[in-house]
PDB file of N, CA and C in Angstrom:
ATOM      1  N   MET A   1     101.638  96.176  34.326  1.00  0.00           N
ATOM      2  CA  MET A   1     101.113  95.130  33.499  1.00  0.00           C
ATOM      3  C   MET A   1     102.132  94.114  33.126  1.00  0.00           C
ATOM      4  N   LYS A   2     101.829  92.887  33.255  1.00  0.00           N
ATOM      5  CA  LYS A   2     102.772  91.823  32.956  1.00  0.00           C
ATOM      6  C   LYS A   2     102.198  90.812  31.990  1.00  0.00           C
ATOM      7  N   ASP A   3     102.082  91.195  30.741  1.00  0.00           N
ATOM      8  CA  ASP A   3     101.595  90.357  29.683  1.00  0.00           C
ATOM      9  C   ASP A   3     102.681  90.122  28.724  1.00  0.00           C
ATOM     10  N   LYS A   4     103.088  88.883  28.466  1.00  0.00           N
ATOM     11  CA  LYS A   4     104.246  88.577  27.655  1.00  0.00           C
ATOM     12  C   LYS A   4     103.942  88.938  26.192  1.00  0.00           C
ATOM     13  N   ALA A   5     102.715  89.060  25.839  1.00  0.00           N
ATOM     14  CA  ALA A   5     102.342  89.395  24.421  1.00  0.00           C
ATOM     15  C   ALA A   5     102.494  90.912  24.180  1.00  0.00           C
ATOM     16  N   LEU A   6     102.743  91.659  25.233  1.00  0.00           N
ATOM     17  CA  LEU A   6     102.919  93.122  25.047  1.00  0.00           C
ATOM     18  C   LEU A   6     104.225  93.603  25.629  1.00  0.00           C
ATOM     19  N   LYS A   7     104.741  94.681  25.067  1.00  0.00           N
ATOM     20  CA  LYS A   7     106.030  95.261  25.534  1.00  0.00           C
ATOM     21  C   LYS A   7     105.841  96.775  25.848  1.00  0.00           C
ATOM     22  N   LEU A   8     106.299  97.175  27.009  1.00  0.00           N
ATOM     23  CA  LEU A   8     106.264  98.547  27.387  1.00  0.00           C
ATOM     24  C   LEU A   8     107.209  99.341  26.398  1.00  0.00           C
ATOM     25  N   ILE A   9     106.619 100.357  25.797  1.00  0.00           N
ATOM     26  CA  ILE A   9     107.338 101.076  24.768  1.00  0.00           C
ATOM     27  C   ILE A   9     107.658 102.548  25.208  1.00  0.00           C
ATOM     28  N   TRP A  10     106.811 103.083  26.142  1.00  0.00           N
ATOM     29  CA  TRP A  10     106.986 104.472  26.529  1.00  0.00           C
ATOM     30  C   TRP A  10     106.211 104.757  27.822  1.00  0.00           C
ATOM     31  N   LYS A  11     106.778 105.649  28.649  1.00  0.00           N
ATOM     32  CA  LYS A  11     106.092 106.159  29.838  1.00  0.00           C
ATOM     33  C   LYS A  11     105.813 107.602  29.611  1.00  0.00           C
ATOM     34  N   ALA A  12     104.617 107.978  29.444  1.00  0.00           N
ATOM     35  CA  ALA A  12     104.270 109.351  29.121  1.00  0.00           C
ATOM     36  C   ALA A  12     103.838 110.097  30.402  1.00  0.00           C
ATOM     37  N   ASN A  13     104.077 111.422  30.371  1.00  0.00           N
ATOM     38  CA  ASN A  13     103.700 112.303  31.482  1.00  0.00           C
ATOM     39  C   ASN A  13     102.302 112.822  31.272  1.00  0.00           C
ATOM     40  N   GLY A  14     101.263 112.096  31.708  1.00  0.00           N
ATOM     41  CA  GLY A  14      99.892 112.528  31.552  1.00  0.00           C
ATOM     42  C   GLY A  14      99.183 112.058  30.321  1.00  0.00           C
ATOM     43  N   TYR A  15      97.883 112.174  30.345  1.00  0.00           N
ATOM     44  CA  TYR A  15      96.983 111.723  29.306  1.00  0.00           C
ATOM     45  C   TYR A  15      97.218 112.335  27.979  1.00  0.00           C
ATOM     46  N   LEU A  16      97.391 113.665  27.915  1.00  0.00           N
ATOM     47  CA  LEU A  16      97.647 114.345  26.642  1.00  0.00           C
ATOM     48  C   LEU A  16      98.934 113.919  25.907  1.00  0.00           C
ATOM     49  N   ASP A  17      99.990 113.793  26.693  1.00  0.00           N
ATOM     50  CA  ASP A  17     101.270 113.324  26.162  1.00  0.00           C
ATOM     51  C   ASP A  17     101.115 111.902  25.640  1.00  0.00           C
ATOM     52  N   ALA A  18     100.392 111.052  26.370  1.00  0.00           N
ATOM     53  CA  ALA A  18     100.224 109.708  25.961  1.00  0.00           C
ATOM     54  C   ALA A  18      99.420 109.602  24.687  1.00  0.00           C
ATOM     55  N   GLN A  19      98.388 110.396  24.580  1.00  0.00           N
ATOM     56  CA  GLN A  19      97.544 110.389  23.358  1.00  0.00           C
ATOM     57  C   GLN A  19      98.345 110.827  22.162  1.00  0.00           C
ATOM     58  N   LEU A  20      99.174 111.813  22.320  1.00  0.00           N
ATOM     59  CA  LEU A  20     100.048 112.334  21.199  1.00  0.00           C
ATOM     60  C   LEU A  20     100.895 111.194  20.678  1.00  0.00           C
ATOM     61  N   ILE A  21     101.562 110.546  21.630  1.00  0.00           N
ATOM     62  CA  ILE A  21     102.482 109.421  21.221  1.00  0.00           C
ATOM     63  C   ILE A  21     101.679 108.223  20.675  1.00  0.00           C
ATOM     64  N   LYS A  22     100.557 107.948  21.338  1.00  0.00           N
ATOM     65  CA  LYS A  22      99.741 106.787  20.833  1.00  0.00           C
ATOM     66  C   LYS A  22      99.265 107.079  19.400  1.00  0.00           C
ATOM     67  N   ASN A  23      98.834 108.287  19.070  1.00  0.00           N
ATOM     68  CA  ASN A  23      98.414 108.597  17.730  1.00  0.00           C
ATOM     69  C   ASN A  23      99.560 108.553  16.767  1.00  0.00           C
ATOM     70  N   TYR A  24     100.724 109.002  17.226  1.00  0.00           N
ATOM     71  CA  TYR A  24     101.892 108.984  16.352  1.00  0.00           C
ATOM     72  C   TYR A  24     102.195 107.515  15.976  1.00  0.00           C
ATOM     73  N   LEU A  25     102.261 106.589  16.904  1.00  0.00           N
ATOM     74  CA  LEU A  25     102.529 105.224  16.574  1.00  0.00           C
ATOM     75  C   LEU A  25     101.413 104.576  15.794  1.00  0.00           C
ATOM     76  N   GLU A  26     100.170 104.905  16.046  1.00  0.00           N
ATOM     77  CA  GLU A  26      99.051 104.337  15.274  1.00  0.00           C
ATOM     78  C   GLU A  26      99.026 104.823  13.831  1.00  0.00           C
ATOM     79  N   SER A  27      99.625 105.987  13.586  1.00  0.00           N
ATOM     80  CA  SER A  27      99.681 106.463  12.235  1.00  0.00           C
ATOM     81  C   SER A  27     100.593 105.563  11.376  1.00  0.00           C
ATOM     82  N   PHE A  28     101.487 104.774  12.036  1.00  0.00           N
ATOM     83  CA  PHE A  28     102.303 103.814  11.299  1.00  0.00           C
ATOM     84  C   PHE A  28     101.734 102.436  11.274  1.00  0.00           C
ATOM     85  N   GLY A  29     100.523 102.296  11.774  1.00  0.00           N
ATOM     86  CA  GLY A  29      99.833 100.982  11.809  1.00  0.00           C
ATOM     87  C   GLY A  29     100.198 100.145  13.012  1.00  0.00           C
ATOM     88  N   ILE A  30     100.718 100.741  14.055  1.00  0.00           N
ATOM     89  CA  ILE A  30     101.121  99.978  15.212  1.00  0.00           C
ATOM     90  C   ILE A  30      99.954 100.052  16.246  1.00  0.00           C
ATOM     91  N   THR A  31      99.600  98.881  16.824  1.00  0.00           N
ATOM     92  CA  THR A  31      98.588  98.854  17.811  1.00  0.00           C
ATOM     93  C   THR A  31      99.160  99.290  19.154  1.00  0.00           C
ATOM     94  N   VAL A  32      98.498 100.210  19.891  1.00  0.00           N
ATOM     95  CA  VAL A  32      99.015 100.731  21.123  1.00  0.00           C
ATOM     96  C   VAL A  32      97.941 100.641  22.215  1.00  0.00           C
ATOM     97  N   TYR A  33      98.324 100.170  23.369  1.00  0.00           N
ATOM     98  CA  TYR A  33      97.461 100.086  24.559  1.00  0.00           C
ATOM     99  C   TYR A  33      97.993 101.008  25.623  1.00  0.00           C
ATOM    100  N   ASP A  34      97.154 101.792  26.207  1.00  0.00           N
ATOM    101  CA  ASP A  34      97.567 102.702  27.280  1.00  0.00           C
ATOM    102  C   ASP A  34      96.948 102.244  28.569  1.00  0.00           C
ATOM    103  N   PHE A  35      97.773 102.324  29.631  1.00  0.00           N
ATOM    104  CA  PHE A  35      97.384 101.998  31.025  1.00  0.00           C
ATOM    105  C   PHE A  35      97.766 103.111  31.953  1.00  0.00           C
ATOM    106  N   GLU A  36      96.817 103.525  32.776  1.00  0.00           N
ATOM    107  CA  GLU A  36      97.053 104.614  33.691  1.00  0.00           C
ATOM    108  C   GLU A  36      96.158 104.529  34.881  1.00  0.00           C
ATOM    109  N   GLU A  37      96.474 105.247  35.924  1.00  0.00           N
ATOM    110  CA  GLU A  37      95.633 105.313  37.087  1.00  0.00           C
ATOM    111  C   GLU A  37      94.478 106.254  36.747  1.00  0.00           C
ATOM    112  N   SER A  38      93.282 105.826  37.093  1.00  0.00           N
ATOM    113  CA  SER A  38      92.112 106.688  36.730  1.00  0.00           C
ATOM    114  C   SER A  38      92.104 107.966  37.459  1.00  0.00           C
ATOM    115  N   VAL A  39      92.666 108.059  38.619  1.00  0.00           N
ATOM    116  CA  VAL A  39      92.697 109.335  39.370  1.00  0.00           C
ATOM    117  C   VAL A  39      93.542 110.316  38.683  1.00  0.00           C
ATOM    118  N   GLY A  40      94.646 109.880  38.011  1.00  0.00           N
ATOM    119  CA  GLY A  40      95.451 110.768  37.213  1.00  0.00           C
ATOM    120  C   GLY A  40      94.730 111.476  36.137  1.00  0.00           C
ATOM    121  N   LEU A  41      93.899 110.738  35.428  1.00  0.00           N
ATOM    122  CA  LEU A  41      93.108 111.326  34.352  1.00  0.00           C
ATOM    123  C   LEU A  41      92.014 112.223  34.900  1.00  0.00           C
ATOM    124  N   SER A  42      91.389 111.827  36.013  1.00  0.00           N
ATOM    125  CA  SER A  42      90.308 112.592  36.596  1.00  0.00           C
ATOM    126  C   SER A  42      90.778 113.947  37.093  1.00  0.00           C
ATOM    127  N   TYR A  43      91.988 113.983  37.644  1.00  0.00           N
ATOM    128  CA  TYR A  43      92.488 115.274  38.196  1.00  0.00           C
ATOM    129  C   TYR A  43      93.487 115.909  37.281  1.00  0.00           C
ATOM    130  N   GLY A  44      93.786 115.365  36.126  1.00  0.00           N
ATOM    131  CA  GLY A  44      94.675 116.002  35.137  1.00  0.00           C
ATOM    132  C   GLY A  44      96.107 115.984  35.607  1.00  0.00           C
ATOM    133  N   LEU A  45      96.522 114.955  36.407  1.00  0.00           N
ATOM    134  CA  LEU A  45      97.917 114.878  36.862  1.00  0.00           C
ATOM    135  C   LEU A  45      98.840 114.605  35.733  1.00  0.00           C
ATOM    136  N   THR A  46     100.022 115.194  35.700  1.00  0.00           N
ATOM    137  CA  THR A  46     100.980 114.933  34.617  1.00  0.00           C
ATOM    138  C   THR A  46     102.359 114.537  35.182  1.00  0.00           C
ATOM    139  N   SER A  47     102.539 114.443  36.473  1.00  0.00           N
ATOM    140  CA  SER A  47     103.784 113.985  37.045  1.00  0.00           C
ATOM    141  C   SER A  47     103.544 112.999  38.158  1.00  0.00           C
ATOM    142  N   GLY A  48     104.637 112.290  38.493  1.00  0.00           N
ATOM    143  CA  GLY A  48     104.524 111.287  39.522  1.00  0.00           C
ATOM    144  C   GLY A  48     103.808 110.037  39.087  1.00  0.00           C
ATOM    145  N   PRO A  49     103.742 109.043  39.938  1.00  0.00           N
ATOM    146  CA  PRO A  49     103.173 107.763  39.500  1.00  0.00           C
ATOM    147  C   PRO A  49     101.683 107.885  39.150  1.00  0.00           C
ATOM    148  N   LEU A  50     100.930 108.820  39.711  1.00  0.00           N
ATOM    149  CA  LEU A  50      99.508 108.857  39.397  1.00  0.00           C
ATOM    150  C   LEU A  50      99.267 109.553  38.025  1.00  0.00           C
ATOM    151  N   GLY A  51     100.190 110.308  37.587  1.00  0.00           N
ATOM    152  CA  GLY A  51     100.037 110.974  36.298  1.00  0.00           C
ATOM    153  C   GLY A  51     100.706 110.245  35.166  1.00  0.00           C
ATOM    154  N   GLU A  52     101.476 109.195  35.424  1.00  0.00           N
ATOM    155  CA  GLU A  52     102.189 108.483  34.380  1.00  0.00           C
ATOM    156  C   GLU A  52     101.210 107.548  33.585  1.00  0.00           C
ATOM    157  N   VAL A  53     101.435 107.486  32.287  1.00  0.00           N
ATOM    158  CA  VAL A  53     100.658 106.598  31.441  1.00  0.00           C
ATOM    159  C   VAL A  53     101.657 105.714  30.713  1.00  0.00           C
ATOM    160  N   GLU A  54     101.503 104.373  30.875  1.00  0.00           N
ATOM    161  CA  GLU A  54     102.367 103.446  30.197  1.00  0.00           C
ATOM    162  C   GLU A  54     101.765 103.025  28.878  1.00  0.00           C
ATOM    163  N   LEU A  55     102.567 103.090  27.821  1.00  0.00           N
ATOM    164  CA  LEU A  55     102.106 102.661  26.531  1.00  0.00           C
ATOM    165  C   LEU A  55     102.755 101.328  26.122  1.00  0.00           C
ATOM    166  N   TYR A  56     101.912 100.387  25.711  1.00  0.00           N
ATOM    167  CA  TYR A  56     102.358  99.017  25.364  1.00  0.00           C
ATOM    168  C   TYR A  56     102.052  98.735  23.977  1.00  0.00           C
ATOM    169  N   VAL A  57     102.865  97.928  23.275  1.00  0.00           N
ATOM    170  CA  VAL A  57     102.594  97.477  21.926  1.00  0.00           C
ATOM    171  C   VAL A  57     102.753  95.948  21.888  1.00  0.00           C
ATOM    172  N   PRO A  58     102.106  95.282  20.935  1.00  0.00           N
ATOM    173  CA  PRO A  58     102.310  93.836  20.790  1.00  0.00           C
ATOM    174  C   PRO A  58     103.800  93.537  20.529  1.00  0.00           C
ATOM    175  N   THR A  59     104.325  92.451  21.126  1.00  0.00           N
ATOM    176  CA  THR A  59     105.765  92.205  20.982  1.00  0.00           C
ATOM    177  C   THR A  59     106.184  92.035  19.490  1.00  0.00           C
ATOM    178  N   ALA A  60     105.246  91.551  18.669  1.00  0.00           N
ATOM    179  CA  ALA A  60     105.551  91.460  17.210  1.00  0.00           C
ATOM    180  C   ALA A  60     105.827  92.809  16.579  1.00  0.00           C
ATOM    181  N   GLN A  61     105.264  93.936  17.145  1.00  0.00           N
ATOM    182  CA  GLN A  61     105.528  95.178  16.603  1.00  0.00           C
ATOM    183  C   GLN A  61     106.480  96.086  17.430  1.00  0.00           C
ATOM    184  N   ALA A  62     107.056  95.525  18.431  1.00  0.00           N
ATOM    185  CA  ALA A  62     107.904  96.232  19.393  1.00  0.00           C
ATOM    186  C   ALA A  62     109.144  96.819  18.692  1.00  0.00           C
ATOM    187  N   GLU A  63     109.833  96.084  17.876  1.00  0.00           N
ATOM    188  CA  GLU A  63     111.088  96.527  17.284  1.00  0.00           C
ATOM    189  C   GLU A  63     110.718  97.752  16.362  1.00  0.00           C
ATOM    190  N   GLU A  64     109.704  97.647  15.597  1.00  0.00           N
ATOM    191  CA  GLU A  64     109.298  98.768  14.695  1.00  0.00           C
ATOM    192  C   GLU A  64     108.927  99.964  15.538  1.00  0.00           C
ATOM    193  N   ALA A  65     108.134  99.781  16.632  1.00  0.00           N
ATOM    194  CA  ALA A  65     107.769 100.852  17.474  1.00  0.00           C
ATOM    195  C   ALA A  65     108.975 101.491  18.174  1.00  0.00           C
ATOM    196  N   ASP A  66     109.933 100.709  18.578  1.00  0.00           N
ATOM    197  CA  ASP A  66     111.163 101.228  19.157  1.00  0.00           C
ATOM    198  C   ASP A  66     111.813 102.201  18.184  1.00  0.00           C
ATOM    199  N   GLY A  67     111.912 101.815  16.932  1.00  0.00           N
ATOM    200  CA  GLY A  67     112.533 102.692  15.925  1.00  0.00           C
ATOM    201  C   GLY A  67     111.844 104.019  15.787  1.00  0.00           C
ATOM    202  N   TYR A  68     110.562 103.978  15.734  1.00  0.00           N
ATOM    203  CA  TYR A  68     109.752 105.227  15.627  1.00  0.00           C
ATOM    204  C   TYR A  68     109.910 106.090  16.884  1.00  0.00           C
ATOM    205  N   MET A  69     109.959 105.455  18.063  1.00  0.00           N
ATOM    206  CA  MET A  69     110.105 106.212  19.284  1.00  0.00           C
ATOM    207  C   MET A  69     111.470 106.802  19.414  1.00  0.00           C
ATOM    208  N   ARG A  70     112.500 106.179  18.896  1.00  0.00           N
ATOM    209  CA  ARG A  70     113.829 106.779  18.853  1.00  0.00           C
ATOM    210  C   ARG A  70     113.876 108.040  17.955  1.00  0.00           C
ATOM    211  N   GLN A  71     113.176 107.893  16.803  1.00  0.00           N
ATOM    212  CA  GLN A  71     113.071 109.055  15.910  1.00  0.00           C
ATOM    213  C   GLN A  71     112.328 110.173  16.573  1.00  0.00           C
ATOM    214  N   TYR A  72     111.243 109.837  17.281  1.00  0.00           N
ATOM    215  CA  TYR A  72     110.458 110.877  18.004  1.00  0.00           C
ATOM    216  C   TYR A  72     111.264 111.530  19.079  1.00  0.00           C
ATOM    217  N   ALA A  73     111.978 110.737  19.841  1.00  0.00           N
ATOM    218  CA  ALA A  73     112.804 111.298  20.995  1.00  0.00           C
ATOM    219  C   ALA A  73     113.903 112.240  20.409  1.00  0.00           C
ATOM    220  N   GLN A  74     114.570 111.834  19.382  1.00  0.00           N
ATOM    221  CA  GLN A  74     115.570 112.633  18.821  1.00  0.00           C
ATOM    222  C   GLN A  74     115.046 113.912  18.222  1.00  0.00           C
ATOM    223  N   ALA A  75     113.935 113.846  17.501  1.00  0.00           N
ATOM    224  CA  ALA A  75     113.342 115.061  16.895  1.00  0.00           C
ATOM    225  C   ALA A  75     112.834 116.039  17.904  1.00  0.00           C
ATOM    226  N   SER A  76     112.391 115.540  19.071  1.00  0.00           N
ATOM    227  CA  SER A  76     111.818 116.377  20.073  1.00  0.00           C
ATOM    228  C   SER A  76     112.872 116.782  21.161  1.00  0.00           C
ATOM    229  N   GLY A  77     114.106 116.365  21.003  1.00  0.00           N
ATOM    230  CA  GLY A  77     115.192 116.697  21.912  1.00  0.00           C
ATOM    231  C   GLY A  77     115.119 115.957  23.236  1.00  0.00           C
ATOM    232  N   GLN A  78     114.395 114.868  23.300  1.00  0.00           N
ATOM    233  CA  GLN A  78     114.306 114.036  24.518  1.00  0.00           C
ATOM    234  C   GLN A  78     115.391 112.978  24.522  1.00  0.00           C
ATOM    235  N   ASP A  79     115.676 112.436  25.698  1.00  0.00           N
ATOM    236  CA  ASP A  79     116.589 111.339  25.794  1.00  0.00           C
ATOM    237  C   ASP A  79     115.980 110.086  25.075  1.00  0.00           C
ATOM    238  N   VAL A  80     116.890 109.392  24.401  1.00  0.00           N
ATOM    239  CA  VAL A  80     116.461 108.142  23.737  1.00  0.00           C
ATOM    240  C   VAL A  80     116.186 107.111  24.761  1.00  0.00           C
ATOM    241  N   PRO A  81     115.058 106.398  24.715  1.00  0.00           N
ATOM    242  CA  PRO A  81     114.751 105.382  25.770  1.00  0.00           C
ATOM    243  C   PRO A  81     115.725 104.256  25.758  1.00  0.00           C
ATOM    244  N   ASP A  82     115.988 103.637  26.915  1.00  0.00           N
ATOM    245  CA  ASP A  82     116.842 102.490  26.995  1.00  0.00           C
ATOM    246  C   ASP A  82     116.301 101.316  26.281  1.00  0.00           C
ATOM    247  N   GLU A  83     117.184 100.427  25.836  1.00  0.00           N
ATOM    248  CA  GLU A  83     116.803  99.201  25.130  1.00  0.00           C
ATOM    249  C   GLU A  83     115.921  98.293  25.973  1.00  0.00           C
ATOM    250  N   ASP A  84     116.168  98.261  27.310  1.00  0.00           N
ATOM    251  CA  ASP A  84     115.446  97.315  28.167  1.00  0.00           C
ATOM    252  C   ASP A  84     114.090  97.831  28.615  1.00  0.00           C
ATOM    253  N   GLN A  85     113.715  98.990  28.221  1.00  0.00           N
ATOM    254  CA  GLN A  85     112.416  99.590  28.626  1.00  0.00           C
ATOM    255  C   GLN A  85     111.280  98.923  27.893  1.00  0.00           C
TER     256      GLN A  85
END
């Protein structure tokens, strides 16, 4: 997706992981849009390009969302996402 009004904030592994993170960000009042291949959802894929779900936020909320995602990544023991993501 190439919309300048939105920024990619996270790439989730599958629908359930994406919904967890989407709900987490929405609990802070951040608008989140998810984009995925429909076949990934249909077959329950969680790895590879067909299982990947991209989460986008409005650019106006991107900095705040980045902060929450850094907290999430640190608390869950995951790598902190790059600044350019």
